Amino acid sequence: MEEILRQAERLEKEYDWSGAAEIYEKALNLLPKDDFSRIGEIHERLGYALYRFAFQAESKDEFRERLRQSTVAYEKAVEFYGNLNELVKTARISRCNALIAYTGYWLALETQERKKKIDECWRLTKDALAAFKEAGEGWKYGKTHNQLSSSVVFAFCLDWNFQAREKMMREAVESGEQAIKFLSTDKNSEDLARAYARTAFYLGVYDYYFLDIDEKERDYQKAQNYWVKSKEISEEIALHELLYPIFGGQILMWEGGK
């Protein structure tokens, strides 16, 4: 089973999300029916592979169908996680429900519904992060932050309330810094590189929109430091994590981030 999962992970790194999804579907047939934890985990991985595969679709109908399939996989993961007694049960279920809401954001046709879904996603993401932290699952906290904190970017774009925008971006920075602490046990981890880059971006946005001149310089230096550390691990990841539709974090590439 472990070799099968490693094969799926290799395909994911090659952006072969269709191939990864096929492997996860095969893996589900090899597991004992009462292995609720592993079955839930594979359904969750399948849901993510299908979600990423949707963004490789060649038509709107294909995109929406793959997202619907992703939602079904996440719903099944929730069902199997519900049979667990372990401490991380709540965290896993909250994360899956956040991913369902995230998928719903892309499926929604009206702006109001999209805002509702993305706000729900961020709320459930925070619930999952809090539960993973309480359970002492630092690595899962970090990976969950990396997987779902981008929902803040879309929530930010859909909310024109100054206080609400400031709060969500501050929360993204705080959870990012916590993710960095948890993931720092492996100094060369791609997950750590992603957490550094994302947190640098969120700090850049927070500084640009919400801080006065004196505060900007202090936090800019911290963001620059995170950006450099991310690049030292993986320049590709560092650059990719600045590709968001909000101005602020991109300044890192212009001043000293070469």
Protein backbone atom coordinates (compact mmCIF):
# COMPACT_ATOMS: atom_id res chain seq x y z
CA MET A 1 0.00 0.00 0.00
CA GLU A 2 2.78 2.44 0.88
CA GLU A 3 4.46 1.91 -2.47
CA ILE A 4 1.13 2.53 -4.24
CA LEU A 5 0.72 5.81 -2.36
CA ARG A 6 4.28 6.86 -3.15
CA GLN A 7 3.52 6.24 -6.82
CA ALA A 8 0.48 8.52 -6.57
CA GLU A 9 2.58 11.19 -4.87
CA ARG A 10 5.16 11.03 -7.67
CA LEU A 11 2.40 11.58 -10.21
CA GLU A 12 1.12 14.54 -8.21
CA LYS A 13 4.56 16.17 -8.35
CA GLU A 14 4.39 15.74 -12.13
CA TYR A 15 0.91 17.36 -12.13
CA ASP A 16 -0.59 14.11 -13.43
CA TRP A 17 -3.71 14.47 -11.34
CA SER A 18 -5.73 12.07 -13.47
CA GLY A 19 -3.14 9.33 -12.95
CA ALA A 20 -2.99 10.02 -9.22
CA ALA A 21 -6.79 9.83 -8.95
CA GLU A 22 -6.81 6.45 -10.70
CA ILE A 23 -4.25 5.08 -8.26
CA TYR A 24 -6.23 6.30 -5.26
CA GLU A 25 -9.36 4.65 -6.61
CA LYS A 26 -7.47 1.37 -6.99
CA ALA A 27 -6.02 1.70 -3.49
CA LEU A 28 -9.51 1.96 -2.00
CA ASN A 29 -10.27 -1.54 -3.29
CA LEU A 30 -7.25 -2.98 -1.49
CA LEU A 31 -8.03 -1.72 2.01
CA PRO A 32 -9.91 -3.64 4.72
CA LYS A 33 -13.48 -2.37 4.97
CA ASP A 34 -13.02 -1.51 8.64
CA ASP A 35 -9.85 0.56 8.18
CA PHE A 36 -11.84 3.77 8.53
CA SER A 37 -8.84 6.04 9.05
CA ARG A 38 -6.96 4.93 5.95
CA ILE A 39 -10.09 4.74 3.77
CA GLY A 40 -11.02 8.27 4.84
CA GLU A 41 -7.49 9.47 4.10
CA ILE A 42 -7.48 7.93 0.60
CA HIS A 43 -10.89 9.40 -0.18
CA GLU A 44 -9.56 12.79 0.93
CA ARG A 45 -6.49 12.42 -1.30
CA LEU A 46 -8.74 11.34 -4.16
CA GLY A 47 -10.89 14.42 -3.61
CA TYR A 48 -7.84 16.69 -3.82
CA ALA A 49 -6.52 14.96 -6.96
CA LEU A 50 -9.92 15.37 -8.65
CA TYR A 51 -10.05 19.02 -7.54
CA ARG A 52 -6.68 19.72 -9.15
CA PHE A 53 -7.64 17.65 -12.20
CA ALA A 54 -10.67 19.93 -12.65
CA PHE A 55 -8.33 22.85 -13.37
CA GLN A 56 -6.88 20.87 -16.26
CA ALA A 57 -10.31 20.51 -17.87
CA GLU A 58 -10.86 21.59 -21.46
CA SER A 59 -14.50 22.60 -21.06
CA LYS A 60 -16.76 24.19 -18.46
CA ASP A 61 -18.89 21.04 -18.19
CA GLU A 62 -15.81 18.89 -17.65
CA PHE A 63 -14.56 21.33 -14.99
CA ARG A 64 -17.83 21.23 -13.08
CA GLU A 65 -18.17 17.44 -13.31
CA ARG A 66 -14.69 16.87 -11.87
CA LEU A 67 -15.44 19.28 -9.05
CA ARG A 68 -18.64 17.39 -8.30
CA GLN A 69 -16.68 14.14 -8.20
CA SER A 70 -14.19 15.80 -5.86
CA THR A 71 -17.04 16.83 -3.54
CA VAL A 72 -18.36 13.25 -3.44
CA ALA A 73 -14.91 11.96 -2.48
CA TYR A 74 -14.62 14.49 0.35
CA GLU A 75 -18.11 13.61 1.58
CA LYS A 76 -17.13 9.94 1.71
CA ALA A 77 -14.00 10.87 3.64
CA VAL A 78 -16.16 12.67 6.21
CA GLU A 79 -18.37 9.59 6.46
CA PHE A 80 -15.44 7.29 7.24
CA TYR A 81 -13.72 9.74 9.56
CA GLY A 82 -16.97 9.89 11.50
CA ASN A 83 -16.34 6.31 12.65
CA LEU A 84 -13.07 7.21 14.36
CA ASN A 85 -12.52 7.76 18.07
CA GLU A 86 -9.08 9.35 17.81
CA LEU A 87 -8.38 12.95 18.81
CA VAL A 88 -7.78 14.20 15.26
CA LYS A 89 -11.24 13.09 14.09
CA THR A 90 -12.66 16.62 14.48
CA ALA A 91 -9.71 18.17 12.66
CA ARG A 92 -9.98 15.79 9.70
CA ILE A 93 -13.72 16.29 9.36
CA SER A 94 -13.40 20.08 9.57
CA ARG A 95 -10.69 20.03 6.91
CA CYS A 96 -12.81 17.91 4.55
CA ASN A 97 -15.82 20.16 5.08
CA ALA A 98 -13.60 23.18 4.37
CA LEU A 99 -12.51 21.53 1.13
CA ILE A 100 -16.15 20.82 0.24
CA ALA A 101 -16.94 24.50 0.79
CA TYR A 102 -13.90 25.48 -1.32
CA THR A 103 -15.15 23.27 -4.15
CA GLY A 104 -18.58 24.84 -3.74
CA TYR A 105 -17.01 28.26 -4.20
CA TRP A 106 -15.84 27.27 -7.68
CA LEU A 107 -19.19 25.70 -8.53
CA ALA A 108 -21.31 28.66 -7.35
CA LEU A 109 -22.68 30.90 -10.09
CA GLU A 110 -23.73 33.94 -8.05
CA THR A 111 -21.31 36.27 -6.25
CA GLN A 112 -23.30 36.14 -3.03
CA GLU A 113 -23.18 32.34 -2.97
CA ARG A 114 -19.46 32.32 -3.75
CA LYS A 115 -18.82 34.68 -0.85
CA LYS A 116 -20.87 32.47 1.45
CA LYS A 117 -18.91 29.37 0.44
CA ILE A 118 -15.46 30.94 0.72
CA ASP A 119 -16.26 32.47 4.12
CA GLU A 120 -17.46 29.04 5.27
CA CYS A 121 -14.25 27.50 3.94
CA TRP A 122 -12.04 29.84 5.95
CA ARG A 123 -14.12 29.37 9.11
CA LEU A 124 -13.85 25.58 8.85
CA THR A 125 -10.14 25.84 8.02
CA LYS A 126 -9.57 27.71 11.27
CA ASP A 127 -11.53 25.02 13.12
CA ALA A 128 -9.35 22.32 11.57
CA LEU A 129 -6.12 24.18 12.38
CA ALA A 130 -7.18 24.68 16.00
CA ALA A 131 -8.07 20.99 16.33
CA PHE A 132 -4.78 19.80 14.81
CA LYS A 133 -2.86 22.11 17.15
CA GLU A 134 -4.78 20.80 20.17
CA ALA A 135 -4.09 17.22 19.08
CA GLY A 136 -0.37 17.93 18.79
CA GLU A 137 -0.39 17.23 15.05
CA GLY A 138 1.96 20.00 13.96
CA TRP A 139 2.82 18.55 10.55
CA LYS A 140 -0.87 18.16 9.66
CA TYR A 141 -1.45 21.74 10.85
CA GLY A 142 1.22 22.97 8.45
CA LYS A 143 -0.03 20.98 5.47
CA THR A 144 -3.63 22.05 6.13
CA HIS A 145 -2.57 25.70 6.24
CA ASN A 146 -0.76 25.29 2.92
CA GLN A 147 -3.71 23.53 1.35
CA LEU A 148 -6.47 25.90 2.43
CA SER A 149 -5.13 29.31 3.47
CA SER A 150 -5.42 30.55 -0.12
CA SER A 151 -9.17 30.72 0.52
CA VAL A 152 -8.38 33.94 2.42
CA VAL A 153 -7.25 35.53 -0.85
CA PHE A 154 -10.62 34.94 -2.50
CA ALA A 155 -12.53 35.91 0.64
CA PHE A 156 -10.48 39.14 0.76
CA CYS A 157 -11.44 39.95 -2.83
CA LEU A 158 -15.16 39.45 -2.15
CA ASP A 159 -15.41 41.44 1.10
CA TRP A 160 -15.29 45.25 1.09
CA ASN A 161 -15.51 45.64 4.86
CA PHE A 162 -12.19 47.07 6.09
CA GLN A 163 -12.30 45.39 9.51
CA ALA A 164 -13.25 42.02 8.06
CA ARG A 165 -10.44 42.16 5.50
CA GLU A 166 -7.88 43.18 8.12
CA LYS A 167 -8.99 40.34 10.42
CA MET A 168 -8.81 37.59 7.81
CA MET A 169 -5.39 38.66 6.53
CA ARG A 170 -4.04 38.93 10.07
CA GLU A 171 -5.36 35.43 10.77
CA ALA A 172 -3.63 34.15 7.63
CA VAL A 173 -0.32 35.64 8.81
CA GLU A 174 -0.71 34.20 12.31
CA SER A 175 -1.60 30.70 11.09
CA GLY A 176 1.23 30.89 8.56
CA GLU A 177 3.78 31.71 11.24
CA GLN A 178 2.46 28.83 13.32
CA ALA A 179 2.75 26.54 10.29
CA ILE A 180 6.38 27.62 9.81
CA LYS A 181 7.17 26.68 13.43
CA PHE A 182 5.58 23.25 13.06
CA LEU A 183 7.18 22.50 9.68
CA SER A 184 10.66 23.75 10.62
CA THR A 185 11.64 20.29 11.89
CA ASP A 186 12.57 19.58 8.25
CA LYS A 187 14.59 22.54 6.99
CA ASN A 188 14.50 21.37 3.36
CA SER A 189 10.83 20.47 3.18
CA GLU A 190 8.77 21.70 0.22
CA ASP A 191 5.92 22.18 2.70
CA LEU A 192 8.13 24.53 4.72
CA ALA A 193 9.07 26.43 1.55
CA ARG A 194 5.38 26.82 0.74
CA ALA A 195 4.56 28.04 4.26
CA TYR A 196 7.40 30.58 4.15
CA ALA A 197 6.29 31.92 0.75
CA ARG A 198 2.61 32.08 1.61
CA THR A 199 3.25 33.82 4.91
CA ALA A 200 5.57 36.29 3.19
CA PHE A 201 2.79 37.05 0.71
CA TYR A 202 0.15 37.49 3.43
CA LEU A 203 2.50 39.78 5.35
CA GLY A 204 3.08 41.82 2.20
CA VAL A 205 -0.66 42.25 1.67
CA TYR A 206 -1.25 43.04 5.34
CA ASP A 207 1.51 45.64 5.34
CA TYR A 208 0.37 47.28 2.11
CA TYR A 209 -3.27 47.71 3.15
CA PHE A 210 -3.34 47.96 6.93
CA LEU A 211 -0.08 49.29 8.47
CA ASP A 212 1.33 52.79 8.78
CA ILE A 213 4.77 53.69 7.43
CA ASP A 214 6.76 52.89 10.60
CA GLU A 215 5.13 49.48 11.01
CA LYS A 216 5.53 48.62 7.33
CA GLU A 217 9.32 48.61 7.47
CA ARG A 218 9.45 46.22 10.43
CA ASP A 219 7.07 43.68 8.94
CA TYR A 220 8.53 44.06 5.46
CA GLN A 221 11.88 42.83 6.75
CA LYS A 222 10.20 39.79 8.26
CA ALA A 223 8.34 39.07 5.01
CA GLN A 224 11.58 39.47 3.05
CA ASN A 225 13.30 37.00 5.36
CA TYR A 226 10.52 34.42 4.82
CA TRP A 227 10.69 34.98 1.05
CA VAL A 228 14.45 34.40 0.96
CA LYS A 229 14.17 31.25 3.05
CA SER A 230 11.48 29.90 0.75
CA LYS A 231 13.65 30.57 -2.31
CA GLU A 232 16.61 28.82 -0.68
CA ILE A 233 14.54 25.64 -0.45
CA SER A 234 12.70 25.93 -3.79
CA GLU A 235 12.64 28.99 -6.04
CA GLU A 236 9.85 27.42 -8.10
CA ILE A 237 7.58 27.13 -5.07
CA ALA A 238 8.47 30.63 -3.86
CA LEU A 239 7.54 32.21 -7.19
CA HIS A 240 4.38 30.14 -7.59
CA GLU A 241 3.06 31.22 -4.20
CA LEU A 242 3.03 34.90 -5.23
CA LEU A 243 0.60 34.29 -8.10
CA TYR A 244 -2.50 35.71 -6.39
CA PRO A 245 -4.98 38.40 -7.50
CA ILE A 246 -4.10 40.84 -4.68
CA PHE A 247 -1.34 43.41 -4.81
CA GLY A 248 1.08 43.57 -1.91
CA GLY A 249 3.21 40.44 -1.68
CA GLN A 250 4.64 40.94 -5.19
CA ILE A 251 6.77 43.81 -3.81
CA LEU A 252 9.03 41.12 -2.38
CA MET A 253 10.25 40.30 -5.87
CA TRP A 254 11.07 43.93 -6.69
CA GLU A 255 13.10 44.98 -3.66
CA GLY A 256 15.87 42.69 -2.55
CA GLY A 257 14.04 39.53 -3.61
CA LYS A 258 16.04 38.95 -6.76
